[in-house]
Amino acid sequence: MKNWDTSSIEYIKTNPIADDWITSTRINDQYKKFILDMSAEEINAYFSNEKMQFGTAGIRATVGPGTNQMNIFTYQQMTEGVAKWLLSQKENPTVIVAHDTRKNADYYAMIVARTLTSFGIKVFLFKNNQMKATPIVSYSVKEAQTDAGIIITASHNPKNYLGFKVYGKTGGQILDDDANQIISYMPEPKTIINNTYTPNENLISYFDDTIVESYFDASYKCLINTNIYRQKNFPVVFTPHHGTACYDLPYLLKTLGYENIFSVPEQSIPDSNFTYSPSFNPEEKVSFNLSVQYAEKLKAKIMLGVDPDADRLAVAVKHRNKWHYLTGNEMGIIFTNYVLQNKQFEKVPFIVSTYVSTNYIDRIAAKYGAKVLRTPTGFKWVGAEIDKNIDSMEFVVGFEEAIGSLNSDINRDKDSFQAAALALEIFTYLDDDERTLIDYLDEIFAEFGYWSGETVSYRIESLNWKEEMQMKLEKFQKIKNEDILGIKIVSINWNEPAKALEWHLEDDMWIKFRLSGTEPKFKIYYEIYGASKEICNQILKTFKEEFEFLLRS
């Protein structure tokens, strides 16, 4: 190891934790160089005695040295918290550990597994510690009846991020009380570079292919009218964005009779650099840019895209010679209407969605005597609400406006596999009559009223992004206007469970404001109703322009 000279960087010495890292023999030369290259602001942001917190989908942070970045020491710290939390509840707990395609995610999965075994906890990994999609992990926890699951994933965050997602025994993400207990059991950040663990390799086992095959079999539960023996030869262009769905999702769809699944070749190889996917958030239209090129050549009428951990599905369809990118709300409306229309229920049907997702589904639910239950943002809450009601009612769909949905009760997290299977069932049903998903939406709007909605995100490029976004939120909370562009503001209130500011407008319209729980984004959600589709779209356009101006002013 080099004898590092830090005399010229006095601000490192003023931070005791950073100084410990730069002088420790347990920190490698590469990390020490990273530390020496940090600004004073970065040193104070990355080296503190504050523990990292669980957000809407686990803990996510950039990779690098420090107590507030992802590295071997913080992974051991987080894992120790989980181990002690489990052992406080029962003897001999078991845990599934998995990972996505992020750089070194497989390595950190082994670090987590070995750290758990040092506390006497039995660990299951997937065959050869291979990458595995988030929904399959959720299913496997429930199916294998383990006490918890941990997946190393950062979903669609930028490629320099990694994460730590924890599931409870139902296959749902842990809620705040459990997350806070885990945090309380984590060692203090200032100690983590000196903590040692003694792994027991005998406590690590590997699943064979059986559990994944059972997931594919169980996934058929979300389907209603799919004929797996009918050959469906229309082209479906699919991009997994270099992620965990590269092989498993096309396999599932082909077993359902979709013989012409065309995986975008450049994006269908696992790659932690996401080389051919400059945007791998399928919520963004640009993530389909390469898919469109192939779709045009193949004369395809539908494209499917998932994020790297494969929990979220985006659908795009060709309608009147133009591509339409369906939002999470639009797919939620489609799924709700189709399932209620086509499935027989023995108990009261129920839909689970979030406070910032569309209320339009309430109109559909009322026709069929279904219940709509709402939760805070984050699928951990959706999964928990399903658990509460699954014995007394019959599940229809759970969805978020951010394109995530769950279409059966076999697991408890967003599931792009099930969503893709049901979306293609609906597409096939409509295509037989030369209709599209857009036609189907228009039929729904003609029956229940015209609607438009959108979520607009504003990225904050600052280490102090939470403080900057909070200031913007307070700005909209203090507004005294009686109307916005001539539309009456009925009330302004803070929804504590949703952690969102709500503007309720006349005619059932609303605008909501929220800070992202997983990335530096300020989000505005719009819910618009009107006498026609054109009027709804015009109101939405005008609102978006106005709030763009207000945010910048």
Protein backbone atom coordinates (compact mmCIF):
# COMPACT_ATOMS: atom_id res chain seq x y z
CA MET A 1 0.00 0.00 0.00
CA LYS A 2 1.13 3.56 -0.72
CA ASN A 3 2.01 6.00 2.03
CA TRP A 4 -0.66 8.55 1.16
CA ASP A 5 0.16 12.21 1.75
CA THR A 6 -3.00 14.06 2.78
CA SER A 7 -1.32 17.17 4.17
CA SER A 8 -2.52 19.31 1.28
CA ILE A 9 -6.16 18.28 1.76
CA GLU A 10 -6.94 19.61 5.19
CA TYR A 11 -10.69 19.18 4.88
CA ILE A 12 -10.25 15.37 4.92
CA LYS A 13 -8.58 15.62 8.31
CA THR A 14 -11.49 17.69 9.63
CA ASN A 15 -13.79 14.73 8.97
CA PRO A 16 -12.77 11.95 11.43
CA ILE A 17 -14.51 9.19 9.49
CA ALA A 18 -12.90 10.16 6.17
CA ASP A 19 -9.55 10.43 7.92
CA ASP A 20 -10.01 6.91 9.33
CA TRP A 21 -10.72 5.56 5.84
CA ILE A 22 -7.74 7.27 4.21
CA THR A 23 -5.35 5.94 6.86
CA SER A 24 -6.83 2.44 7.26
CA THR A 25 -4.95 -0.59 5.94
CA ARG A 26 -8.33 -2.14 5.08
CA ILE A 27 -9.08 0.46 2.39
CA ASN A 28 -7.45 -0.26 -0.97
CA ASP A 29 -5.37 2.21 -2.96
CA GLN A 30 -8.07 2.76 -5.57
CA TYR A 31 -10.60 3.85 -2.94
CA LYS A 32 -8.01 6.06 -1.26
CA LYS A 33 -7.40 7.80 -4.57
CA PHE A 34 -11.17 8.32 -4.97
CA ILE A 35 -11.29 9.89 -1.51
CA LEU A 36 -8.35 12.21 -2.23
CA ASP A 37 -10.09 13.35 -5.42
CA MET A 38 -13.29 14.28 -3.56
CA SER A 39 -14.31 17.86 -2.88
CA ALA A 40 -15.02 19.05 0.65
CA GLU A 41 -18.75 18.86 -0.14
CA GLU A 42 -18.42 15.24 -1.29
CA ILE A 43 -16.37 14.27 1.76
CA ASN A 44 -19.08 15.56 4.08
CA ALA A 45 -21.84 13.97 1.99
CA TYR A 46 -20.24 10.52 1.77
CA PHE A 47 -18.59 10.27 5.20
CA SER A 48 -20.96 10.77 8.11
CA ASN A 49 -22.19 8.82 11.10
CA GLU A 50 -25.76 8.89 9.70
CA LYS A 51 -26.98 5.48 8.58
CA MET A 52 -28.41 5.13 5.09
CA GLN A 53 -32.21 4.98 5.05
CA PHE A 54 -34.75 2.78 3.27
CA GLY A 55 -36.71 4.64 0.59
CA THR A 56 -39.71 3.58 -1.47
CA ALA A 57 -37.81 0.54 -2.79
CA GLY A 58 -34.97 -0.32 -0.44
CA ILE A 59 -31.68 1.51 0.01
CA ARG A 60 -30.04 2.92 -3.12
CA ALA A 61 -26.87 4.96 -3.44
CA THR A 62 -23.88 5.55 -5.67
CA VAL A 63 -21.02 3.05 -5.58
CA GLY A 64 -17.79 4.18 -3.98
CA PRO A 65 -15.95 4.69 -0.70
CA GLY A 66 -17.69 6.16 2.31
CA THR A 67 -20.38 5.39 4.84
CA ASN A 68 -23.09 6.77 2.55
CA GLN A 69 -22.10 4.95 -0.64
CA MET A 70 -22.34 1.30 -1.65
CA ASN A 71 -19.23 -0.76 -0.92
CA ILE A 72 -18.22 -3.95 0.89
CA PHE A 73 -18.36 -2.26 4.30
CA THR A 74 -21.82 -0.72 3.88
CA TYR A 75 -23.17 -3.99 2.47
CA GLN A 76 -21.86 -5.81 5.55
CA GLN A 77 -23.35 -3.09 7.76
CA MET A 78 -26.81 -3.38 6.14
CA THR A 79 -26.67 -7.18 6.19
CA GLU A 80 -25.76 -7.25 9.90
CA GLY A 81 -28.89 -5.18 10.53
CA VAL A 82 -31.03 -7.72 8.65
CA ALA A 83 -29.37 -10.66 10.43
CA LYS A 84 -29.98 -9.26 13.90
CA TRP A 85 -33.53 -8.26 12.98
CA LEU A 86 -34.31 -11.82 11.84
CA LEU A 87 -32.67 -13.41 14.87
CA SER A 88 -34.71 -11.16 17.17
CA GLN A 89 -37.84 -12.85 15.77
CA LYS A 90 -36.92 -16.53 15.51
CA GLU A 91 -34.16 -19.10 15.69
CA ASN A 92 -32.51 -20.44 12.55
CA PRO A 93 -34.00 -18.06 9.97
CA THR A 94 -33.44 -18.55 6.24
CA VAL A 95 -32.82 -15.95 3.55
CA ILE A 96 -32.73 -15.88 -0.28
CA VAL A 97 -30.02 -13.62 -1.71
CA ALA A 98 -30.09 -12.52 -5.36
CA HIS A 99 -28.78 -9.79 -7.65
CA ASP A 100 -29.35 -8.01 -10.94
CA THR A 101 -26.85 -7.20 -13.72
CA ARG A 102 -25.19 -4.21 -12.08
CA LYS A 103 -21.41 -4.07 -11.95
CA ASN A 104 -20.16 -6.32 -9.12
CA ALA A 105 -23.72 -7.08 -8.01
CA ASP A 106 -22.88 -10.81 -8.02
CA TYR A 107 -19.86 -10.11 -5.81
CA TYR A 108 -21.89 -8.07 -3.34
CA ALA A 109 -24.55 -10.79 -3.28
CA MET A 110 -21.86 -13.20 -2.06
CA ILE A 111 -20.68 -10.65 0.51
CA VAL A 112 -24.26 -10.42 1.81
CA ALA A 113 -24.65 -14.21 1.81
CA ARG A 114 -21.41 -14.80 3.69
CA THR A 115 -22.15 -12.06 6.20
CA LEU A 116 -25.51 -13.67 6.95
CA THR A 117 -23.87 -17.05 7.49
CA SER A 118 -21.50 -15.51 10.03
CA PHE A 119 -24.61 -15.05 12.19
CA GLY A 120 -25.62 -18.71 11.67
CA ILE A 121 -28.29 -17.89 9.06
CA LYS A 122 -28.93 -20.35 6.22
CA VAL A 123 -28.79 -18.72 2.77
CA PHE A 124 -30.17 -19.76 -0.60
CA LEU A 125 -28.71 -18.44 -3.85
CA PHE A 126 -30.01 -19.06 -7.35
CA LYS A 127 -28.18 -21.61 -9.49
CA ASN A 128 -24.53 -20.57 -9.98
CA ASN A 129 -25.36 -17.24 -8.30
CA GLN A 130 -26.88 -16.19 -11.63
CA MET A 131 -28.78 -12.90 -12.03
CA LYS A 132 -32.49 -13.13 -11.35
CA ALA A 133 -35.45 -10.81 -11.98
CA THR A 134 -36.99 -9.08 -8.99
CA PRO A 135 -40.48 -10.63 -9.40
CA ILE A 136 -38.96 -14.13 -9.45
CA VAL A 137 -37.14 -13.35 -6.20
CA SER A 138 -40.38 -12.13 -4.61
CA TYR A 139 -42.14 -15.32 -5.73
CA SER A 140 -39.29 -17.54 -4.52
CA VAL A 141 -39.35 -16.10 -0.99
CA LYS A 142 -43.06 -16.90 -0.76
CA GLU A 143 -42.78 -20.27 -2.50
CA ALA A 144 -39.71 -21.53 -0.61
CA GLN A 145 -41.14 -20.18 2.66
CA THR A 146 -37.94 -18.44 3.66
CA ASP A 147 -38.02 -15.74 6.30
CA ALA A 148 -36.62 -13.01 4.09
CA GLY A 149 -35.06 -12.17 0.76
CA ILE A 150 -32.38 -9.67 -0.22
CA ILE A 151 -31.72 -8.53 -3.77
CA ILE A 152 -28.78 -6.40 -4.85
CA THR A 153 -30.41 -4.05 -7.36
CA ALA A 154 -30.75 -0.40 -8.28
CA SER A 155 -33.60 -0.94 -10.75
CA HIS A 156 -33.54 1.89 -13.33
CA ASN A 157 -31.24 4.26 -11.40
CA PRO A 158 -28.11 5.46 -13.25
CA LYS A 159 -25.40 2.85 -13.79
CA ASN A 160 -23.19 4.18 -10.97
CA TYR A 161 -25.86 3.19 -8.41
CA LEU A 162 -26.40 -0.03 -6.49
CA GLY A 163 -28.99 -1.01 -3.93
CA PHE A 164 -30.20 -3.28 -1.16
CA LYS A 165 -33.82 -4.44 -1.28
CA VAL A 166 -35.28 -6.55 1.54
CA TYR A 167 -38.34 -8.80 1.39
CA GLY A 168 -40.30 -10.26 4.29
CA LYS A 169 -41.65 -13.81 4.37
CA THR A 170 -44.71 -12.98 2.22
CA GLY A 171 -42.46 -11.93 -0.67
CA GLY A 172 -43.38 -8.29 -0.15
CA GLN A 173 -40.88 -5.54 0.57
CA ILE A 174 -40.49 -4.71 4.24
CA LEU A 175 -42.49 -1.79 5.61
CA ASP A 176 -41.21 1.13 7.65
CA ASP A 177 -41.39 -0.47 11.11
CA ASP A 178 -39.23 -3.40 10.03
CA ALA A 179 -36.91 -1.12 8.06
CA ASN A 180 -36.40 1.05 11.12
CA GLN A 181 -35.64 -2.01 13.25
CA ILE A 182 -33.06 -3.17 10.71
CA ILE A 183 -31.46 0.28 10.76
CA SER A 184 -31.37 0.21 14.56
CA TYR A 185 -29.47 -3.10 14.45
CA MET A 186 -26.91 -1.84 11.93
CA PRO A 187 -23.49 -1.01 13.42
CA GLU A 188 -22.58 2.68 13.63
CA PRO A 189 -21.11 3.94 10.34
CA LYS A 190 -17.91 5.13 12.01
CA THR A 191 -17.10 1.51 13.00
CA ILE A 192 -17.83 -0.38 9.79
CA ILE A 193 -14.31 -0.48 8.34
CA ASN A 194 -13.09 -2.27 11.47
CA ASN A 195 -15.87 -4.86 11.81
CA THR A 196 -14.98 -8.50 11.05
CA TYR A 197 -17.17 -11.48 10.15
CA THR A 198 -16.60 -15.24 10.09
CA PRO A 199 -18.59 -16.81 7.26
CA ASN A 200 -19.76 -20.43 7.30
CA GLU A 201 -19.81 -21.67 3.69
CA ASN A 202 -21.73 -24.79 4.78
CA LEU A 203 -24.80 -22.60 5.33
CA ILE A 204 -24.99 -21.56 1.66
CA SER A 205 -27.18 -23.63 -0.69
CA TYR A 206 -28.18 -23.17 -4.34
CA PHE A 207 -31.59 -23.58 -5.96
CA ASP A 208 -31.82 -25.72 -9.07
CA ASP A 209 -34.07 -24.70 -11.98
CA THR A 210 -37.20 -26.11 -10.35
CA ILE A 211 -38.21 -22.97 -8.47
CA VAL A 212 -37.96 -20.78 -11.58
CA GLU A 213 -39.99 -23.29 -13.61
CA SER A 214 -42.64 -23.26 -10.88
CA TYR A 215 -42.76 -19.47 -11.19
CA PHE A 216 -43.46 -19.76 -14.92
CA ASP A 217 -46.24 -22.26 -14.21
CA ALA A 218 -47.74 -20.03 -11.53
CA SER A 219 -47.59 -16.98 -13.82
CA TYR A 220 -50.42 -18.44 -15.88
CA LYS A 221 -52.72 -17.44 -12.99
CA CYS A 222 -52.87 -13.89 -14.31
CA LEU A 223 -54.27 -15.04 -17.65
CA ILE A 224 -57.95 -15.40 -18.54
CA ASN A 225 -58.37 -16.12 -22.26
CA THR A 226 -54.90 -17.03 -23.48
CA ASN A 227 -54.87 -20.19 -25.60
CA ILE A 228 -51.34 -21.52 -25.20
CA TYR A 229 -51.91 -23.99 -28.06
CA ARG A 230 -52.78 -21.27 -30.56
CA GLN A 231 -49.81 -20.08 -32.60
CA LYS A 232 -49.53 -16.33 -32.35
CA ASN A 233 -47.09 -15.27 -35.04
CA PHE A 234 -47.35 -11.48 -35.00
CA PRO A 235 -43.98 -9.83 -34.21
CA VAL A 236 -43.41 -8.53 -30.68
CA VAL A 237 -40.32 -6.36 -30.25
CA PHE A 238 -38.87 -6.66 -26.76
CA THR A 239 -36.02 -4.92 -24.93
CA PRO A 240 -34.73 -6.04 -21.52
CA HIS A 241 -32.20 -3.15 -21.46
CA HIS A 242 -29.24 -5.42 -20.67
CA GLY A 243 -31.02 -6.65 -17.54
CA THR A 244 -32.34 -9.70 -15.75
CA ALA A 245 -35.14 -10.40 -18.24
CA CYS A 246 -32.76 -11.07 -21.15
CA TYR A 247 -33.48 -14.81 -21.24
CA ASP A 248 -36.35 -15.61 -18.89
CA LEU A 249 -39.06 -13.28 -20.20
CA PRO A 250 -38.84 -14.29 -23.89
CA TYR A 251 -38.86 -17.92 -22.71
CA LEU A 252 -42.08 -17.38 -20.74
CA LEU A 253 -43.84 -15.63 -23.63
CA LYS A 254 -42.84 -18.34 -26.11
CA THR A 255 -44.32 -21.00 -23.84
CA LEU A 256 -47.60 -19.07 -24.12
CA GLY A 257 -47.58 -19.41 -27.89
CA TYR A 258 -46.03 -16.08 -28.88
CA GLU A 259 -43.59 -17.51 -31.37
CA ASN A 260 -42.25 -14.28 -32.83
CA ILE A 261 -40.69 -12.53 -29.84
CA PHE A 262 -37.90 -10.40 -31.29
CA SER A 263 -35.42 -9.36 -28.60
CA VAL A 264 -33.46 -6.24 -29.56
CA PRO A 265 -30.05 -7.93 -30.04
CA GLU A 266 -27.84 -5.08 -28.86
CA GLN A 267 -29.83 -4.71 -25.60
CA SER A 268 -30.42 -8.40 -24.91
CA ILE A 269 -26.99 -9.17 -23.47
CA PRO A 270 -26.49 -8.59 -19.73
CA ASP A 271 -24.20 -5.57 -19.44
CA SER A 272 -23.52 -3.47 -16.35
CA ASN A 273 -22.45 -0.56 -18.56
CA PHE A 274 -25.84 -0.57 -20.36
CA THR A 275 -23.83 0.10 -23.51
CA TYR A 276 -26.72 0.23 -25.97
CA SER A 277 -29.28 1.62 -23.55
CA PRO A 278 -28.41 5.24 -22.76
CA SER A 279 -31.86 5.35 -21.15
CA PHE A 280 -32.96 2.12 -19.48
CA ASN A 281 -35.99 3.52 -17.68
CA PRO A 282 -38.87 2.16 -19.81
CA GLU A 283 -41.09 4.93 -18.49
CA GLU A 284 -39.16 7.23 -20.86
CA LYS A 285 -40.02 7.10 -24.57
CA VAL A 286 -36.37 7.44 -25.56
CA SER A 287 -35.67 4.02 -24.03
CA PHE A 288 -37.55 2.58 -27.03
CA ASN A 289 -35.47 4.35 -29.68
CA LEU A 290 -33.60 1.23 -30.77
CA SER A 291 -36.73 -0.92 -30.49
CA VAL A 292 -38.58 1.36 -32.89
CA GLN A 293 -35.96 0.82 -35.58
CA TYR A 294 -36.50 -2.94 -35.45
CA ALA A 295 -40.28 -2.62 -35.07
CA GLU A 296 -40.48 -0.61 -38.28
CA LYS A 297 -38.43 -3.17 -40.18
CA LEU A 298 -40.50 -6.06 -38.84
CA LYS A 299 -43.80 -4.20 -39.28
CA ALA A 300 -44.52 -4.90 -35.60
CA LYS A 301 -47.52 -3.31 -33.92
CA ILE A 302 -46.42 -3.76 -30.29
CA MET A 303 -43.21 -3.18 -28.32
CA LEU A 304 -42.47 -4.26 -24.74
CA GLY A 305 -39.72 -2.80 -22.57
CA VAL A 306 -38.63 -3.62 -19.03
CA ASP A 307 -36.14 -2.08 -16.66
CA PRO A 308 -32.90 -3.90 -15.67
CA ASP A 309 -34.37 -5.69 -12.65
CA ALA A 310 -37.50 -6.55 -14.69
CA ASP A 311 -40.17 -5.47 -12.25
CA ARG A 312 -41.67 -2.74 -14.48
CA LEU A 313 -43.18 -3.21 -17.95
CA ALA A 314 -43.81 -0.49 -20.53
CA VAL A 315 -46.02 -1.08 -23.57
CA ALA A 316 -46.01 0.82 -26.87
CA VAL A 317 -48.47 0.13 -29.69
CA LYS A 318 -48.89 1.25 -33.29
CA HIS A 319 -52.20 3.05 -33.78
CA ARG A 320 -53.09 4.82 -37.02
CA ASN A 321 -49.48 4.59 -38.14
CA LYS A 322 -48.14 6.29 -35.00
CA TRP A 323 -46.47 4.83 -31.92
CA HIS A 324 -48.30 5.41 -28.63
CA TYR A 325 -46.41 4.89 -25.37
CA LEU A 326 -48.87 3.80 -22.73
CA THR A 327 -48.44 5.18 -19.23
CA GLY A 328 -48.74 3.21 -16.01
CA ASN A 329 -52.14 4.78 -15.41
CA GLU A 330 -53.37 3.86 -18.89
CA MET A 331 -52.25 0.24 -18.47
CA GLY A 332 -53.84 0.21 -15.01
CA ILE A 333 -57.14 1.33 -16.55
CA ILE A 334 -56.83 -1.30 -19.30
CA PHE A 335 -55.98 -4.13 -16.89
CA THR A 336 -58.76 -3.13 -14.47
CA ASN A 337 -61.45 -2.95 -17.15
CA TYR A 338 -60.36 -6.11 -19.00
CA VAL A 339 -60.12 -8.34 -15.93
CA LEU A 340 -63.41 -7.13 -14.41
CA GLN A 341 -65.07 -7.54 -17.80
CA ASN A 342 -63.76 -11.06 -18.49
CA LYS A 343 -63.15 -12.86 -15.22
CA GLN A 344 -65.70 -14.52 -12.95
CA PHE A 345 -65.28 -13.66 -9.26
CA GLU A 346 -66.51 -15.67 -6.29
CA LYS A 347 -65.78 -12.88 -3.83
CA VAL A 348 -65.72 -9.09 -4.01
CA PRO A 349 -62.98 -8.05 -6.47
CA PHE A 350 -60.40 -5.52 -5.28
CA ILE A 351 -57.83 -3.30 -6.98
CA VAL A 352 -54.85 -1.78 -5.18
CA SER A 353 -53.24 1.42 -6.36
CA THR A 354 -51.45 4.44 -4.91
CA TYR A 355 -52.62 7.90 -3.89
CA VAL A 356 -50.77 9.49 -6.82
CA SER A 357 -52.15 7.05 -9.41
CA THR A 358 -55.36 7.76 -11.31
CA ASN A 359 -58.79 7.75 -9.67
CA TYR A 360 -60.35 6.80 -13.01
CA ILE A 361 -60.42 3.13 -12.01
CA ASP A 362 -63.00 4.00 -9.31
CA ARG A 363 -65.54 4.60 -12.08
CA ILE A 364 -64.89 1.19 -13.60
CA ALA A 365 -64.86 -0.55 -10.22
CA ALA A 366 -68.26 0.92 -9.33
CA LYS A 367 -69.87 -0.76 -12.35
CA TYR A 368 -68.62 -4.20 -11.28
CA GLY A 369 -69.02 -3.84 -7.52
CA ALA A 370 -65.26 -3.88 -6.99
CA LYS A 371 -63.32 -2.12 -4.23
CA VAL A 372 -60.39 0.23 -4.83
CA LEU A 373 -57.79 0.42 -2.06
CA ARG A 374 -55.08 3.08 -2.03
CA THR A 375 -51.63 3.14 -0.53
CA PRO A 376 -48.57 5.39 -0.27
CA THR A 377 -46.14 5.37 -3.20
CA GLY A 378 -43.95 2.29 -3.37
CA PHE A 379 -44.98 -1.25 -4.17
CA LYS A 380 -44.13 -2.38 -0.67
CA TRP A 381 -47.41 -0.76 0.39
CA VAL A 382 -49.35 -2.33 -2.48
CA GLY A 383 -48.03 -5.77 -1.52
CA ALA A 384 -48.94 -5.22 2.13
CA GLU A 385 -52.49 -4.17 1.19
CA ILE A 386 -52.88 -7.34 -0.89
CA ASP A 387 -51.79 -9.39 2.14
CA LYS A 388 -54.42 -7.68 4.31
CA ASN A 389 -57.33 -8.40 1.98
CA ILE A 390 -56.50 -11.52 -0.03
CA ASP A 391 -58.47 -13.86 2.25
CA SER A 392 -61.67 -11.81 2.30
CA MET A 393 -61.72 -10.51 -1.29
CA GLU A 394 -60.47 -11.53 -4.73
CA PHE A 395 -57.51 -9.74 -6.30
CA VAL A 396 -57.79 -8.00 -9.69
CA VAL A 397 -54.63 -5.93 -10.18
CA GLY A 398 -52.20 -3.75 -8.26
CA PHE A 399 -50.52 -0.91 -10.12
CA GLU A 400 -48.62 2.36 -9.84
CA GLU A 401 -48.62 5.27 -12.27
CA ALA A 402 -44.89 4.66 -12.76
CA ILE A 403 -45.68 1.65 -15.04
CA GLY A 404 -45.42 -1.03 -12.35
CA SER A 405 -48.17 -3.63 -11.96
CA LEU A 406 -48.90 -7.01 -10.37
CA ASN A 407 -51.50 -9.17 -12.11
CA SER A 408 -51.93 -12.14 -9.76
CA ASP A 409 -51.37 -12.99 -6.12
CA ILE A 410 -48.45 -15.40 -6.61
CA ASN A 411 -45.95 -12.81 -5.38
CA ARG A 412 -45.97 -9.35 -3.83
CA ASP A 413 -43.85 -7.07 -6.02
CA LYS A 414 -44.21 -5.43 -9.41
CA ASP A 415 -43.98 -8.10 -12.10
CA SER A 416 -43.13 -7.34 -15.73
CA PHE A 417 -43.48 -11.04 -16.65
CA GLN A 418 -47.13 -11.26 -15.63
CA ALA A 419 -47.86 -7.81 -17.01
CA ALA A 420 -46.34 -8.74 -20.39
CA ALA A 421 -48.34 -11.97 -20.56
CA LEU A 422 -51.65 -10.24 -19.80
CA ALA A 423 -50.88 -7.25 -22.05
CA LEU A 424 -50.27 -9.64 -24.95
CA GLU A 425 -53.48 -11.51 -24.17
CA ILE A 426 -55.43 -8.25 -24.42
CA PHE A 427 -53.50 -7.19 -27.53
CA THR A 428 -54.32 -10.53 -29.21
CA TYR A 429 -58.00 -10.29 -28.26
CA LEU A 430 -58.20 -6.80 -29.80
CA ASP A 431 -56.04 -7.56 -32.83
CA ASP A 432 -58.41 -10.35 -33.85
CA ASP A 433 -61.02 -7.59 -34.36
CA GLU A 434 -58.47 -5.19 -35.91
CA ARG A 435 -58.57 -3.00 -32.81
CA THR A 436 -55.66 -1.65 -30.76
CA LEU A 437 -55.09 -0.88 -27.09
CA ILE A 438 -55.74 2.77 -27.95
CA ASP A 439 -59.11 1.83 -29.44
CA TYR A 440 -59.83 -0.08 -26.23
CA LEU A 441 -58.98 2.95 -24.09
CA ASP A 442 -61.23 5.13 -26.25
CA GLU A 443 -64.09 2.67 -25.74
CA ILE A 444 -63.54 2.85 -21.97
CA PHE A 445 -63.48 6.67 -22.04
CA ALA A 446 -66.65 6.77 -24.11
CA GLU A 447 -68.39 4.72 -21.40
CA PHE A 448 -66.95 6.21 -18.20
CA GLY A 449 -65.92 9.74 -19.22
CA TYR A 450 -62.92 11.40 -20.84
CA TRP A 451 -59.65 11.60 -18.97
CA SER A 452 -56.01 12.47 -19.37
CA GLY A 453 -53.14 12.18 -16.94
CA GLU A 454 -49.38 12.36 -16.76
CA THR A 455 -46.46 12.37 -14.36
CA VAL A 456 -43.71 14.90 -15.02
CA SER A 457 -40.35 14.48 -13.29
CA TYR A 458 -37.73 17.16 -12.79
CA ARG A 459 -34.23 15.90 -11.98
CA ILE A 460 -32.21 17.92 -9.44
CA GLU A 461 -28.46 17.71 -10.11
CA SER A 462 -27.11 18.52 -6.67
CA LEU A 463 -25.74 16.70 -3.65
CA ASN A 464 -28.30 18.69 -1.63
CA TRP A 465 -31.19 17.61 -3.85
CA LYS A 466 -33.50 16.73 -0.98
CA GLU A 467 -33.26 20.23 0.50
CA GLU A 468 -33.74 21.90 -2.90
CA MET A 469 -36.81 19.78 -3.70
CA GLN A 470 -38.30 20.45 -0.26
CA MET A 471 -38.09 24.18 -0.98
CA LYS A 472 -40.02 23.70 -4.23
CA LEU A 473 -42.66 21.66 -2.41
CA GLU A 474 -43.11 24.38 0.21
CA LYS A 475 -43.51 26.94 -2.58
CA PHE A 476 -46.57 25.14 -3.94
CA GLN A 477 -47.97 24.57 -0.45
CA LYS A 478 -48.01 28.32 0.29
CA ILE A 479 -49.72 29.44 -2.92
CA LYS A 480 -52.79 31.61 -2.23
CA ASN A 481 -54.41 31.46 -5.69
CA GLU A 482 -58.13 30.66 -5.87
CA ASP A 483 -57.73 29.16 -9.33
CA ILE A 484 -55.11 27.86 -11.72
CA LEU A 485 -55.59 29.08 -15.30
CA GLY A 486 -59.28 29.65 -14.65
CA ILE A 487 -59.94 26.25 -13.03
CA LYS A 488 -60.98 26.57 -9.39
CA ILE A 489 -58.70 25.26 -6.66
CA VAL A 490 -61.09 23.59 -4.21
CA SER A 491 -58.48 22.78 -1.56
CA ILE A 492 -54.75 22.39 -0.92
CA ASN A 493 -53.73 19.77 1.63
CA TRP A 494 -50.83 17.60 2.67
CA ASN A 495 -51.48 13.85 2.38
CA GLU A 496 -49.22 12.40 5.06
CA PRO A 497 -49.50 8.70 4.09
CA ALA A 498 -48.73 9.63 0.47
CA LYS A 499 -46.03 12.13 1.46
CA ALA A 500 -47.57 14.32 -1.23
CA LEU A 501 -49.01 17.82 -1.53
CA GLU A 502 -52.45 17.72 -3.16
CA TRP A 503 -54.29 20.43 -5.09
CA HIS A 504 -57.90 19.38 -5.50
CA LEU A 505 -59.58 21.18 -8.41
CA GLU A 506 -63.15 21.36 -9.63
CA ASP A 507 -64.69 18.52 -11.65
CA ASP A 508 -62.68 15.78 -9.84
CA MET A 509 -59.38 17.03 -11.26
CA TRP A 510 -56.23 17.20 -9.17
CA ILE A 511 -52.51 18.00 -9.23
CA LYS A 512 -50.15 16.37 -6.74
CA PHE A 513 -46.53 17.10 -5.87
CA ARG A 514 -44.06 14.67 -4.35
CA LEU A 515 -40.35 14.09 -3.84
CA SER A 516 -39.02 10.80 -5.20
CA GLY A 517 -37.96 8.33 -2.54
CA THR A 518 -35.25 6.65 -4.64
CA GLU A 519 -33.65 9.32 -6.84
CA PRO A 520 -33.20 13.12 -7.04
CA LYS A 521 -36.51 13.92 -8.74
CA PHE A 522 -39.35 16.34 -8.05
CA LYS A 523 -42.58 14.87 -9.41
CA ILE A 524 -45.85 16.49 -10.47
CA TYR A 525 -48.89 14.26 -11.09
CA TYR A 526 -51.86 15.44 -13.19
CA GLU A 527 -55.42 14.04 -13.22
CA ILE A 528 -57.65 15.76 -15.82
CA TYR A 529 -61.30 15.25 -16.79
CA GLY A 530 -63.28 16.96 -19.54
CA ALA A 531 -66.05 16.81 -22.13
CA SER A 532 -63.76 15.27 -24.76
CA LYS A 533 -60.33 13.72 -25.15
CA GLU A 534 -59.13 16.85 -26.96
CA ILE A 535 -60.25 19.14 -24.12
CA CYS A 536 -58.53 16.92 -21.54
CA ASN A 537 -55.28 16.96 -23.52
CA GLN A 538 -55.43 20.74 -23.94
CA ILE A 539 -55.94 21.34 -20.21
CA LEU A 540 -53.06 18.97 -19.45
CA LYS A 541 -50.78 20.74 -21.93
CA THR A 542 -51.61 24.16 -20.48
CA PHE A 543 -51.07 22.98 -16.89
CA LYS A 544 -47.70 21.47 -17.75
CA GLU A 545 -46.53 24.70 -19.37
CA GLU A 546 -47.68 26.75 -16.38
CA PHE A 547 -45.93 24.57 -13.80
CA GLU A 548 -42.78 24.43 -15.90
CA PHE A 549 -42.76 28.24 -15.65
CA LEU A 550 -43.55 28.24 -11.90
CA LEU A 551 -40.76 25.74 -11.17
CA ARG A 552 -38.16 27.80 -13.02
CA SER A 553 -39.25 31.17 -11.62
